[in-house]
Amino acid sequence: MTNETFTLGGRSFVRFTRAEDMTAEQEDFITANLRPAGLHEATIAVDEDAEGFLRRLLFQVSESGKTFEVLCALLMPADASEWSGAPPAFTRDLAEGDWTPAIGLEIAKFIRRLKAEEDKDIIRQMLSALVMDFFARAITSLYGYRNASADQQAGDRETTTEIATAEPDAGAAGQQSSGLSQETTTAAAG
């Protein structure tokens, strides 16, 4: 998917959709805002369905007050002439062509004041797309965790069974070769 251009509040923006188009500073800005936005550990609860998880993530971001700080890192003004009167740092950075925190914060200031329903819809769609990305990562993480956990548990059972059934070491007066008592190894195996 390529980066897309759209209009928000009468100004044109490019929305970053590919990590390779983002600067390291941009990615760092996003990362710094994920924790306060509640997305740094986006994991689905065992008893939570997909819809409930998505809804919870959307509420977390909204309640954090960081919606616009996260979204602004995904946007770049497409037309500098639409930003007359912007602070000098913004104008300078925009002329250089790469996203910077000065650009992002000015975008956040702009989009948080939008009133038109169509603009709010676009913001909600962008936020939903962002949360969907975290949802996809959480699902991948959950299945990876469950598989790794099952593999680990199977490995633990094999190890503890071996320990529990090991013959006593002839040289160690009455102790198992593992150094654990029979009760400990039996409890670990069960």
N, C-alpha and C. Protein backbone atom coordinates (compact mmCIF):
# COMPACT_ATOMS: atom_id res chain seq x y z
N MET A 1 0.85 -1.18 0.00
CA MET A 1 0.00 0.00 0.00
C MET A 1 0.89 1.25 0.00
N THR A 2 0.57 2.22 -0.80
CA THR A 2 1.35 3.44 -0.85
C THR A 2 0.74 4.48 0.08
N ASN A 3 1.53 5.51 0.38
CA ASN A 3 1.02 6.60 1.20
C ASN A 3 -0.11 7.27 0.45
N GLU A 4 -1.11 7.73 1.19
CA GLU A 4 -2.28 8.32 0.54
C GLU A 4 -2.41 9.79 0.89
N THR A 5 -2.97 10.55 -0.05
CA THR A 5 -3.22 11.98 0.15
C THR A 5 -4.72 12.18 0.33
N PHE A 6 -5.08 13.03 1.28
CA PHE A 6 -6.49 13.33 1.55
C PHE A 6 -6.58 14.73 2.13
N THR A 7 -7.82 15.24 2.24
CA THR A 7 -8.07 16.57 2.77
C THR A 7 -8.73 16.46 4.13
N LEU A 8 -8.27 17.29 5.03
CA LEU A 8 -8.79 17.34 6.39
C LEU A 8 -8.84 18.81 6.80
N GLY A 9 -10.01 19.30 7.11
CA GLY A 9 -10.14 20.70 7.51
C GLY A 9 -9.74 21.68 6.42
N GLY A 10 -9.91 21.27 5.17
CA GLY A 10 -9.57 22.14 4.04
C GLY A 10 -8.09 22.13 3.67
N ARG A 11 -7.29 21.34 4.36
CA ARG A 11 -5.86 21.23 4.06
C ARG A 11 -5.55 19.81 3.61
N SER A 12 -4.58 19.72 2.71
CA SER A 12 -4.23 18.40 2.19
C SER A 12 -3.07 17.79 2.99
N PHE A 13 -3.19 16.49 3.22
CA PHE A 13 -2.20 15.75 3.99
C PHE A 13 -1.81 14.48 3.26
N VAL A 14 -0.62 14.02 3.58
CA VAL A 14 -0.17 12.69 3.17
C VAL A 14 -0.20 11.86 4.45
N ARG A 15 -0.84 10.69 4.38
CA ARG A 15 -0.86 9.79 5.53
C ARG A 15 0.16 8.70 5.28
N PHE A 16 1.09 8.57 6.20
CA PHE A 16 2.11 7.53 6.10
C PHE A 16 1.47 6.18 6.35
N THR A 17 1.67 5.26 5.44
CA THR A 17 1.15 3.91 5.59
C THR A 17 2.26 2.88 5.54
N ARG A 18 3.49 3.33 5.30
CA ARG A 18 4.63 2.41 5.22
C ARG A 18 5.73 2.88 6.16
N ALA A 19 6.23 2.00 6.98
CA ALA A 19 7.28 2.34 7.94
C ALA A 19 8.54 2.84 7.24
N GLU A 20 8.81 2.33 6.06
CA GLU A 20 10.05 2.73 5.37
C GLU A 20 10.01 4.20 4.92
N ASP A 21 8.84 4.82 4.93
CA ASP A 21 8.74 6.23 4.57
C ASP A 21 8.86 7.16 5.79
N MET A 22 8.93 6.57 6.97
CA MET A 22 8.99 7.38 8.19
C MET A 22 10.44 7.57 8.63
N THR A 23 10.69 8.71 9.26
CA THR A 23 12.01 8.97 9.82
C THR A 23 12.15 8.26 11.16
N ALA A 24 13.38 8.08 11.61
CA ALA A 24 13.62 7.49 12.93
C ALA A 24 13.00 8.36 14.01
N GLU A 25 13.09 9.67 13.84
CA GLU A 25 12.50 10.60 14.81
C GLU A 25 10.98 10.44 14.88
N GLN A 26 10.38 10.21 13.75
CA GLN A 26 8.93 10.01 13.66
C GLN A 26 8.52 8.73 14.40
N GLU A 27 9.25 7.66 14.15
CA GLU A 27 8.96 6.41 14.84
C GLU A 27 9.16 6.54 16.34
N ASP A 28 10.21 7.28 16.74
CA ASP A 28 10.47 7.51 18.16
C ASP A 28 9.33 8.31 18.80
N PHE A 29 8.83 9.30 18.08
CA PHE A 29 7.71 10.11 18.56
C PHE A 29 6.47 9.25 18.78
N ILE A 30 6.21 8.35 17.84
CA ILE A 30 5.08 7.44 17.96
C ILE A 30 5.26 6.55 19.19
N THR A 31 6.44 5.96 19.30
CA THR A 31 6.72 5.08 20.43
C THR A 31 6.56 5.79 21.75
N ALA A 32 7.04 7.03 21.83
CA ALA A 32 6.94 7.80 23.08
C ALA A 32 5.49 8.08 23.46
N ASN A 33 4.60 8.10 22.49
CA ASN A 33 3.18 8.39 22.77
C ASN A 33 2.32 7.13 22.89
N LEU A 34 2.88 5.98 22.63
CA LEU A 34 2.10 4.74 22.74
C LEU A 34 1.77 4.40 24.19
N ARG A 35 2.73 4.57 25.09
CA ARG A 35 2.50 4.23 26.49
C ARG A 35 1.40 5.10 27.09
N PRO A 36 1.50 6.44 27.00
CA PRO A 36 0.41 7.25 27.55
C PRO A 36 -0.92 7.03 26.84
N ALA A 37 -0.87 6.56 25.59
CA ALA A 37 -2.11 6.30 24.85
C ALA A 37 -2.69 4.93 25.19
N GLY A 38 -1.96 4.13 25.96
CA GLY A 38 -2.46 2.83 26.36
C GLY A 38 -2.25 1.73 25.34
N LEU A 39 -1.39 1.96 24.36
CA LEU A 39 -1.18 0.96 23.30
C LEU A 39 0.16 0.25 23.39
N HIS A 40 0.96 0.55 24.40
CA HIS A 40 2.29 -0.06 24.48
C HIS A 40 2.23 -1.55 24.78
N GLU A 41 1.19 -2.00 25.45
CA GLU A 41 1.03 -3.42 25.73
C GLU A 41 -0.38 -3.85 25.32
N ALA A 42 -0.65 -3.70 24.05
CA ALA A 42 -1.98 -4.02 23.54
C ALA A 42 -2.10 -5.53 23.41
N THR A 43 -2.68 -6.12 24.44
CA THR A 43 -2.88 -7.56 24.41
C THR A 43 -4.35 -7.87 24.66
N ILE A 44 -4.81 -8.87 23.98
CA ILE A 44 -6.20 -9.28 24.11
C ILE A 44 -6.33 -10.22 25.31
N ALA A 45 -7.31 -9.98 26.13
CA ALA A 45 -7.55 -10.83 27.29
C ALA A 45 -8.10 -12.17 26.82
N VAL A 46 -7.85 -13.21 27.59
CA VAL A 46 -8.29 -14.56 27.21
C VAL A 46 -9.80 -14.62 27.03
N ASP A 47 -10.54 -13.90 27.87
CA ASP A 47 -12.01 -13.95 27.80
C ASP A 47 -12.62 -12.82 26.97
N GLU A 48 -11.80 -12.12 26.20
CA GLU A 48 -12.26 -10.95 25.44
C GLU A 48 -12.40 -11.30 23.96
N ASP A 49 -13.53 -10.92 23.35
CA ASP A 49 -13.69 -11.16 21.92
C ASP A 49 -13.05 -10.01 21.15
N ALA A 50 -12.94 -10.18 19.84
CA ALA A 50 -12.26 -9.20 19.00
C ALA A 50 -12.92 -7.83 19.07
N GLU A 51 -14.23 -7.79 19.01
CA GLU A 51 -14.94 -6.51 19.04
C GLU A 51 -14.72 -5.79 20.38
N GLY A 52 -14.78 -6.54 21.46
CA GLY A 52 -14.55 -5.95 22.79
C GLY A 52 -13.14 -5.41 22.93
N PHE A 53 -12.17 -6.14 22.38
CA PHE A 53 -10.77 -5.71 22.43
C PHE A 53 -10.58 -4.40 21.65
N LEU A 54 -11.13 -4.34 20.44
CA LEU A 54 -11.01 -3.12 19.63
C LEU A 54 -11.66 -1.93 20.33
N ARG A 55 -12.84 -2.16 20.87
CA ARG A 55 -13.56 -1.10 21.57
C ARG A 55 -12.74 -0.61 22.78
N ARG A 56 -12.14 -1.55 23.52
CA ARG A 56 -11.33 -1.18 24.68
C ARG A 56 -10.12 -0.35 24.26
N LEU A 57 -9.47 -0.74 23.18
CA LEU A 57 -8.31 0.03 22.71
C LEU A 57 -8.70 1.44 22.27
N LEU A 58 -9.82 1.55 21.56
CA LEU A 58 -10.29 2.88 21.14
C LEU A 58 -10.57 3.76 22.34
N PHE A 59 -11.22 3.20 23.36
CA PHE A 59 -11.50 3.98 24.58
C PHE A 59 -10.21 4.35 25.30
N GLN A 60 -9.25 3.43 25.35
CA GLN A 60 -7.98 3.72 26.01
C GLN A 60 -7.30 4.92 25.37
N VAL A 61 -7.23 4.91 24.06
CA VAL A 61 -6.57 6.02 23.36
C VAL A 61 -7.33 7.32 23.60
N SER A 62 -8.65 7.28 23.45
CA SER A 62 -9.45 8.49 23.65
C SER A 62 -9.32 9.02 25.08
N GLU A 63 -9.41 8.14 26.05
CA GLU A 63 -9.32 8.55 27.45
C GLU A 63 -7.94 9.08 27.82
N SER A 64 -6.91 8.64 27.10
CA SER A 64 -5.55 9.07 27.41
C SER A 64 -5.29 10.53 27.04
N GLY A 65 -6.11 11.07 26.12
CA GLY A 65 -5.86 12.42 25.64
C GLY A 65 -4.73 12.50 24.63
N LYS A 66 -4.26 11.34 24.16
CA LYS A 66 -3.11 11.31 23.23
C LYS A 66 -3.51 10.97 21.80
N THR A 67 -4.79 10.99 21.51
CA THR A 67 -5.26 10.65 20.16
C THR A 67 -4.52 11.45 19.10
N PHE A 68 -4.45 12.75 19.28
CA PHE A 68 -3.91 13.62 18.24
C PHE A 68 -2.38 13.55 18.17
N GLU A 69 -1.73 13.28 19.31
CA GLU A 69 -0.28 13.13 19.30
C GLU A 69 0.13 11.86 18.57
N VAL A 70 -0.67 10.82 18.69
CA VAL A 70 -0.36 9.59 17.97
C VAL A 70 -0.67 9.76 16.49
N LEU A 71 -1.84 10.30 16.18
CA LEU A 71 -2.23 10.45 14.77
C LEU A 71 -1.34 11.43 14.02
N CYS A 72 -0.90 12.50 14.67
CA CYS A 72 -0.12 13.52 13.95
C CYS A 72 1.20 12.98 13.43
N ALA A 73 1.70 11.92 14.05
CA ALA A 73 2.95 11.34 13.59
C ALA A 73 2.76 10.54 12.31
N LEU A 74 1.52 10.31 11.93
CA LEU A 74 1.24 9.58 10.70
C LEU A 74 0.91 10.51 9.54
N LEU A 75 0.93 11.82 9.80
CA LEU A 75 0.51 12.80 8.79
C LEU A 75 1.63 13.77 8.45
N MET A 76 1.60 14.23 7.21
CA MET A 76 2.52 15.26 6.73
C MET A 76 1.74 16.19 5.82
N PRO A 77 1.87 17.50 6.02
CA PRO A 77 1.19 18.42 5.10
C PRO A 77 1.64 18.18 3.66
N ALA A 78 0.70 18.13 2.75
CA ALA A 78 1.01 17.92 1.33
C ALA A 78 1.28 19.22 0.60
N ASP A 79 0.80 20.35 1.15
CA ASP A 79 0.94 21.65 0.49
C ASP A 79 1.32 22.70 1.53
N ALA A 80 2.56 23.13 1.50
CA ALA A 80 3.06 24.10 2.49
C ALA A 80 2.32 25.42 2.43
N SER A 81 1.78 25.79 1.26
CA SER A 81 1.09 27.08 1.14
C SER A 81 -0.18 27.15 1.99
N GLU A 82 -0.71 26.00 2.39
CA GLU A 82 -1.91 25.97 3.22
C GLU A 82 -1.61 26.28 4.69
N TRP A 83 -0.35 26.44 5.04
CA TRP A 83 0.06 26.61 6.42
C TRP A 83 0.67 27.98 6.69
N SER A 84 0.18 29.01 6.03
CA SER A 84 0.71 30.36 6.28
C SER A 84 0.40 30.73 7.73
N GLY A 85 1.33 31.40 8.36
CA GLY A 85 1.15 31.80 9.75
C GLY A 85 1.60 30.74 10.74
N ALA A 86 2.12 29.63 10.25
CA ALA A 86 2.62 28.58 11.15
C ALA A 86 3.93 29.04 11.80
N PRO A 87 4.28 28.47 12.94
CA PRO A 87 5.54 28.85 13.61
C PRO A 87 6.75 28.63 12.71
N PRO A 88 7.81 29.42 12.91
CA PRO A 88 9.01 29.30 12.06
C PRO A 88 9.61 27.90 12.03
N ALA A 89 9.65 27.20 13.16
CA ALA A 89 10.23 25.84 13.19
C ALA A 89 9.44 24.92 12.27
N PHE A 90 8.12 25.05 12.28
CA PHE A 90 7.27 24.24 11.42
C PHE A 90 7.57 24.54 9.96
N THR A 91 7.60 25.82 9.60
CA THR A 91 7.85 26.24 8.22
C THR A 91 9.21 25.76 7.75
N ARG A 92 10.23 25.91 8.59
CA ARG A 92 11.59 25.48 8.24
C ARG A 92 11.63 23.97 8.02
N ASP A 93 11.06 23.21 8.97
CA ASP A 93 11.10 21.76 8.87
C ASP A 93 10.30 21.26 7.67
N LEU A 94 9.18 21.90 7.41
CA LEU A 94 8.35 21.50 6.27
C LEU A 94 9.10 21.73 4.96
N ALA A 95 9.85 22.82 4.88
CA ALA A 95 10.64 23.10 3.68
C ALA A 95 11.72 22.04 3.47
N GLU A 96 12.22 21.45 4.56
CA GLU A 96 13.24 20.41 4.45
C GLU A 96 12.66 19.08 4.00
N GLY A 97 11.36 18.89 4.18
CA GLY A 97 10.68 17.74 3.61
C GLY A 97 10.48 16.52 4.48
N ASP A 98 11.09 16.45 5.65
CA ASP A 98 10.90 15.30 6.52
C ASP A 98 10.05 15.68 7.73
N TRP A 99 9.32 14.71 8.23
CA TRP A 99 8.49 14.90 9.41
C TRP A 99 9.39 15.20 10.61
N THR A 100 8.96 16.14 11.45
CA THR A 100 9.64 16.45 12.71
C THR A 100 8.58 16.64 13.79
N PRO A 101 8.97 16.62 15.06
CA PRO A 101 8.00 16.88 16.12
C PRO A 101 7.32 18.24 15.98
N ALA A 102 8.04 19.25 15.50
CA ALA A 102 7.43 20.58 15.30
C ALA A 102 6.29 20.49 14.30
N ILE A 103 6.48 19.74 13.23
CA ILE A 103 5.41 19.54 12.24
C ILE A 103 4.26 18.76 12.87
N GLY A 104 4.60 17.67 13.55
CA GLY A 104 3.58 16.84 14.16
C GLY A 104 2.72 17.59 15.16
N LEU A 105 3.35 18.37 16.02
CA LEU A 105 2.58 19.09 17.05
C LEU A 105 1.69 20.17 16.45
N GLU A 106 2.14 20.77 15.38
CA GLU A 106 1.30 21.76 14.69
C GLU A 106 0.10 21.07 14.03
N ILE A 107 0.33 19.90 13.47
CA ILE A 107 -0.77 19.13 12.89
C ILE A 107 -1.75 18.73 13.99
N ALA A 108 -1.24 18.26 15.12
CA ALA A 108 -2.11 17.87 16.24
C ALA A 108 -2.96 19.05 16.70
N LYS A 109 -2.33 20.21 16.80
CA LYS A 109 -3.06 21.42 17.20
C LYS A 109 -4.18 21.74 16.21
N PHE A 110 -3.90 21.55 14.94
CA PHE A 110 -4.88 21.82 13.89
C PHE A 110 -6.03 20.81 13.93
N ILE A 111 -5.72 19.51 13.94
CA ILE A 111 -6.79 18.52 13.81
C ILE A 111 -7.65 18.41 15.06
N ARG A 112 -7.10 18.74 16.22
CA ARG A 112 -7.92 18.62 17.45
C ARG A 112 -9.00 19.70 17.50
N ARG A 113 -8.90 20.73 16.65
CA ARG A 113 -9.88 21.81 16.64
C ARG A 113 -10.90 21.70 15.51
N LEU A 114 -10.83 20.64 14.75
CA LEU A 114 -11.76 20.48 13.63
C LEU A 114 -13.17 20.21 14.13
N LYS A 115 -14.16 20.79 13.43
CA LYS A 115 -15.56 20.69 13.86
C LYS A 115 -16.46 19.96 12.87
N ALA A 116 -16.10 19.96 11.62
CA ALA A 116 -16.95 19.35 10.59
C ALA A 116 -17.03 17.83 10.80
N GLU A 117 -18.23 17.31 10.69
CA GLU A 117 -18.45 15.87 10.90
C GLU A 117 -17.61 15.02 9.95
N GLU A 118 -17.46 15.45 8.69
CA GLU A 118 -16.66 14.66 7.75
C GLU A 118 -15.20 14.59 8.18
N ASP A 119 -14.68 15.67 8.80
CA ASP A 119 -13.31 15.66 9.32
C ASP A 119 -13.20 14.74 10.53
N LYS A 120 -14.20 14.80 11.40
CA LYS A 120 -14.20 13.92 12.57
C LYS A 120 -14.29 12.46 12.15
N ASP A 121 -15.04 12.19 11.08
CA ASP A 121 -15.14 10.83 10.57
C ASP A 121 -13.78 10.34 10.08
N ILE A 122 -13.06 11.19 9.39
CA ILE A 122 -11.73 10.82 8.90
C ILE A 122 -10.80 10.54 10.08
N ILE A 123 -10.86 11.38 11.10
CA ILE A 123 -10.03 11.18 12.29
C ILE A 123 -10.37 9.84 12.95
N ARG A 124 -11.66 9.56 13.09
CA ARG A 124 -12.09 8.28 13.69
C ARG A 124 -11.61 7.10 12.84
N GLN A 125 -11.68 7.24 11.52
CA GLN A 125 -11.23 6.17 10.64
C GLN A 125 -9.72 5.94 10.79
N MET A 126 -8.96 7.03 10.88
CA MET A 126 -7.51 6.90 11.06
C MET A 126 -7.19 6.24 12.40
N LEU A 127 -7.91 6.65 13.45
CA LEU A 127 -7.69 6.07 14.76
C LEU A 127 -8.06 4.59 14.75
N SER A 128 -9.17 4.26 14.11
CA SER A 128 -9.58 2.85 14.01
C SER A 128 -8.54 2.04 13.24
N ALA A 129 -8.00 2.59 12.16
CA ALA A 129 -6.97 1.88 11.40
C ALA A 129 -5.72 1.66 12.26
N LEU A 130 -5.36 2.65 13.04
CA LEU A 130 -4.21 2.52 13.93
C LEU A 130 -4.46 1.42 14.97
N VAL A 131 -5.64 1.43 15.57
CA VAL A 131 -5.98 0.43 16.58
C VAL A 131 -6.06 -0.96 15.94
N MET A 132 -6.58 -1.05 14.72
CA MET A 132 -6.63 -2.34 14.02
C MET A 132 -5.24 -2.91 13.84
N ASP A 133 -4.26 -2.03 13.57
CA ASP A 133 -2.88 -2.48 13.44
C ASP A 133 -2.41 -3.10 14.76
N PHE A 134 -2.73 -2.45 15.86
CA PHE A 134 -2.35 -3.00 17.16
C PHE A 134 -3.11 -4.29 17.44
N PHE A 135 -4.35 -4.36 17.00
CA PHE A 135 -5.15 -5.57 17.16
C PHE A 135 -4.46 -6.72 16.43
N ALA A 136 -4.05 -6.48 15.20
CA ALA A 136 -3.38 -7.53 14.42
C ALA A 136 -2.10 -7.97 15.12
N ARG A 137 -1.35 -7.03 15.67
CA ARG A 137 -0.13 -7.39 16.39
C ARG A 137 -0.44 -8.18 17.65
N ALA A 138 -1.49 -7.79 18.35
CA ALA A 138 -1.85 -8.49 19.58
C ALA A 138 -2.28 -9.91 19.29
N ILE A 139 -3.05 -10.11 18.21
CA ILE A 139 -3.47 -11.46 17.84
C ILE A 139 -2.26 -12.31 17.52
N THR A 140 -1.34 -11.76 16.75
CA THR A 140 -0.11 -12.48 16.42
C THR A 140 0.65 -12.81 17.68
N SER A 141 0.76 -11.84 18.57
CA SER A 141 1.46 -12.04 19.83
C SER A 141 0.76 -13.09 20.68
N LEU A 142 -0.56 -13.03 20.75
CA LEU A 142 -1.32 -13.98 21.56
C LEU A 142 -1.10 -15.40 21.06
N TYR A 143 -1.22 -15.62 19.75
CA TYR A 143 -1.02 -16.97 19.23
C TYR A 143 0.42 -17.41 19.40
N GLY A 144 1.35 -16.50 19.22
CA GLY A 144 2.76 -16.82 19.45
C GLY A 144 3.01 -17.19 20.89
N TYR A 145 2.37 -16.45 21.81
CA TYR A 145 2.52 -16.72 23.25
C TYR A 145 1.89 -18.06 23.60
N ARG A 146 0.68 -18.31 23.10
CA ARG A 146 0.02 -19.57 23.40
C ARG A 146 0.83 -20.75 22.88
N ASN A 147 1.37 -20.64 21.66
CA ASN A 147 2.17 -21.72 21.11
C ASN A 147 3.46 -21.91 21.90
N ALA A 148 4.12 -20.80 22.23
CA ALA A 148 5.36 -20.88 23.00
C ALA A 148 5.06 -21.41 24.39
N SER A 149 3.95 -20.99 24.97
CA SER A 149 3.57 -21.44 26.30
C SER A 149 3.28 -22.94 26.29
N ALA A 150 2.56 -23.41 25.30
CA ALA A 150 2.26 -24.84 25.19
C ALA A 150 3.54 -25.64 25.00
N ASP A 151 4.45 -25.14 24.15
CA ASP A 151 5.73 -25.81 23.95
C ASP A 151 6.53 -25.85 25.24
N GLN A 152 6.54 -24.73 25.97
CA GLN A 152 7.27 -24.64 27.22
C GLN A 152 6.68 -25.60 28.25
N GLN A 153 5.36 -25.63 28.36
CA GLN A 153 4.71 -26.52 29.32
C GLN A 153 5.02 -27.97 28.98
N ALA A 154 4.99 -28.31 27.71
CA ALA A 154 5.30 -29.68 27.31
C ALA A 154 6.74 -30.01 27.67
N GLY A 155 7.64 -29.08 27.44
CA GLY A 155 9.05 -29.26 27.80
C GLY A 155 9.23 -29.38 29.30
N ASP A 156 8.50 -28.58 30.06
CA ASP A 156 8.57 -28.64 31.52
C ASP A 156 8.09 -29.99 32.02
N ARG A 157 6.99 -30.51 31.45
CA ARG A 157 6.46 -31.80 31.87
C ARG A 157 7.49 -32.90 31.60
N GLU A 158 8.13 -32.85 30.42
CA GLU A 158 9.13 -33.87 30.10
C GLU A 158 10.28 -33.80 31.07
N THR A 159 10.77 -32.59 31.36
CA THR A 159 11.90 -32.42 32.25
C THR A 159 11.58 -32.88 33.66
N THR A 160 10.43 -32.44 34.18
CA THR A 160 10.09 -32.82 35.55
C THR A 160 9.78 -34.29 35.66
N THR A 161 9.23 -34.89 34.62
CA THR A 161 8.98 -36.33 34.64
C THR A 161 10.31 -37.07 34.69
N GLU A 162 11.27 -36.63 33.90
CA GLU A 162 12.60 -37.25 33.91
C GLU A 162 13.22 -37.13 35.29
N ILE A 163 13.09 -35.96 35.91
CA ILE A 163 13.67 -35.76 37.24
C ILE A 163 12.99 -36.67 38.25
N ALA A 164 11.68 -36.76 38.17
CA ALA A 164 10.92 -37.56 39.13
C ALA A 164 11.21 -39.04 38.99
N THR A 165 11.54 -39.50 37.81
CA THR A 165 11.77 -40.93 37.60
C THR A 165 13.24 -41.29 37.60
N ALA A 166 14.11 -40.33 37.79
CA ALA A 166 15.55 -40.61 37.79
C ALA A 166 15.92 -41.51 38.96
N GLU A 167 16.85 -42.39 38.71
CA GLU A 167 17.32 -43.29 39.77
C GLU A 167 18.17 -42.49 40.75
N PRO A 168 18.08 -42.81 42.02
CA PRO A 168 18.93 -42.13 43.00
C PRO A 168 20.39 -42.32 42.65
N ASP A 169 21.16 -41.27 42.88
CA ASP A 169 22.60 -41.31 42.64
C ASP A 169 23.22 -42.12 43.78
N ALA A 170 23.91 -43.15 43.42
CA ALA A 170 24.48 -44.04 44.43
C ALA A 170 25.42 -43.30 45.36
N GLY A 171 26.08 -42.29 44.88
CA GLY A 171 27.04 -41.57 45.72
C GLY A 171 26.42 -40.49 46.57
N ALA A 172 25.12 -40.20 46.43
CA ALA A 172 24.50 -39.10 47.17
C ALA A 172 23.49 -39.66 48.13
N ALA A 173 23.87 -39.94 49.32
CA ALA A 173 23.08 -40.61 50.36
C ALA A 173 21.61 -40.23 50.35
N GLY A 174 20.81 -41.00 49.59
CA GLY A 174 19.37 -40.86 49.62
C GLY A 174 18.79 -39.70 48.82
N GLN A 175 19.56 -38.90 48.06
CA GLN A 175 19.01 -37.78 47.30
C GLN A 175 18.86 -38.16 45.84
N GLN A 176 17.90 -37.53 45.18
CA GLN A 176 17.73 -37.72 43.75
C GLN A 176 18.91 -37.07 43.04
N SER A 177 19.17 -37.48 41.81
CA SER A 177 20.29 -36.92 41.05
C SER A 177 20.10 -35.43 40.77
N SER A 178 18.87 -34.95 40.78
CA SER A 178 18.61 -33.53 40.54
C SER A 178 18.86 -32.68 41.77
N GLY A 179 18.93 -33.30 42.91
CA GLY A 179 19.07 -32.54 44.13
C GLY A 179 17.72 -32.15 44.71
N LEU A 180 16.62 -32.49 44.06
CA LEU A 180 15.28 -32.17 44.54
C LEU A 180 14.69 -33.37 45.23
N SER A 181 13.82 -33.13 46.18
CA SER A 181 13.13 -34.23 46.85
C SER A 181 12.09 -34.82 45.90
N GLN A 182 11.65 -36.05 46.19
CA GLN A 182 10.63 -36.71 45.38
C GLN A 182 9.34 -35.91 45.39
N GLU A 183 8.97 -35.29 46.52
CA GLU A 183 7.75 -34.51 46.60
C GLU A 183 7.77 -33.31 45.67
N THR A 184 8.92 -32.62 45.59
CA THR A 184 9.07 -31.46 44.74
C THR A 184 8.93 -31.84 43.27
N THR A 185 9.57 -32.89 42.86
CA THR A 185 9.51 -33.27 41.45
C THR A 185 8.14 -33.78 41.08
N THR A 186 7.47 -34.49 41.98
CA THR A 186 6.12 -34.97 41.69
C THR A 186 5.15 -33.81 41.54
N ALA A 187 5.26 -32.82 42.43
CA ALA A 187 4.39 -31.65 42.34
C ALA A 187 4.65 -30.89 41.05
N ALA A 188 5.91 -30.78 40.63
CA ALA A 188 6.24 -30.06 39.39
C ALA A 188 5.70 -30.80 38.18
N ALA A 189 5.73 -32.10 38.22
CA ALA A 189 5.26 -32.89 37.07
C ALA A 189 3.75 -32.89 36.97
N GLY A 190 3.05 -32.74 38.08
CA GLY A 190 1.58 -32.78 38.06
C GLY A 190 1.03 -31.48 37.67
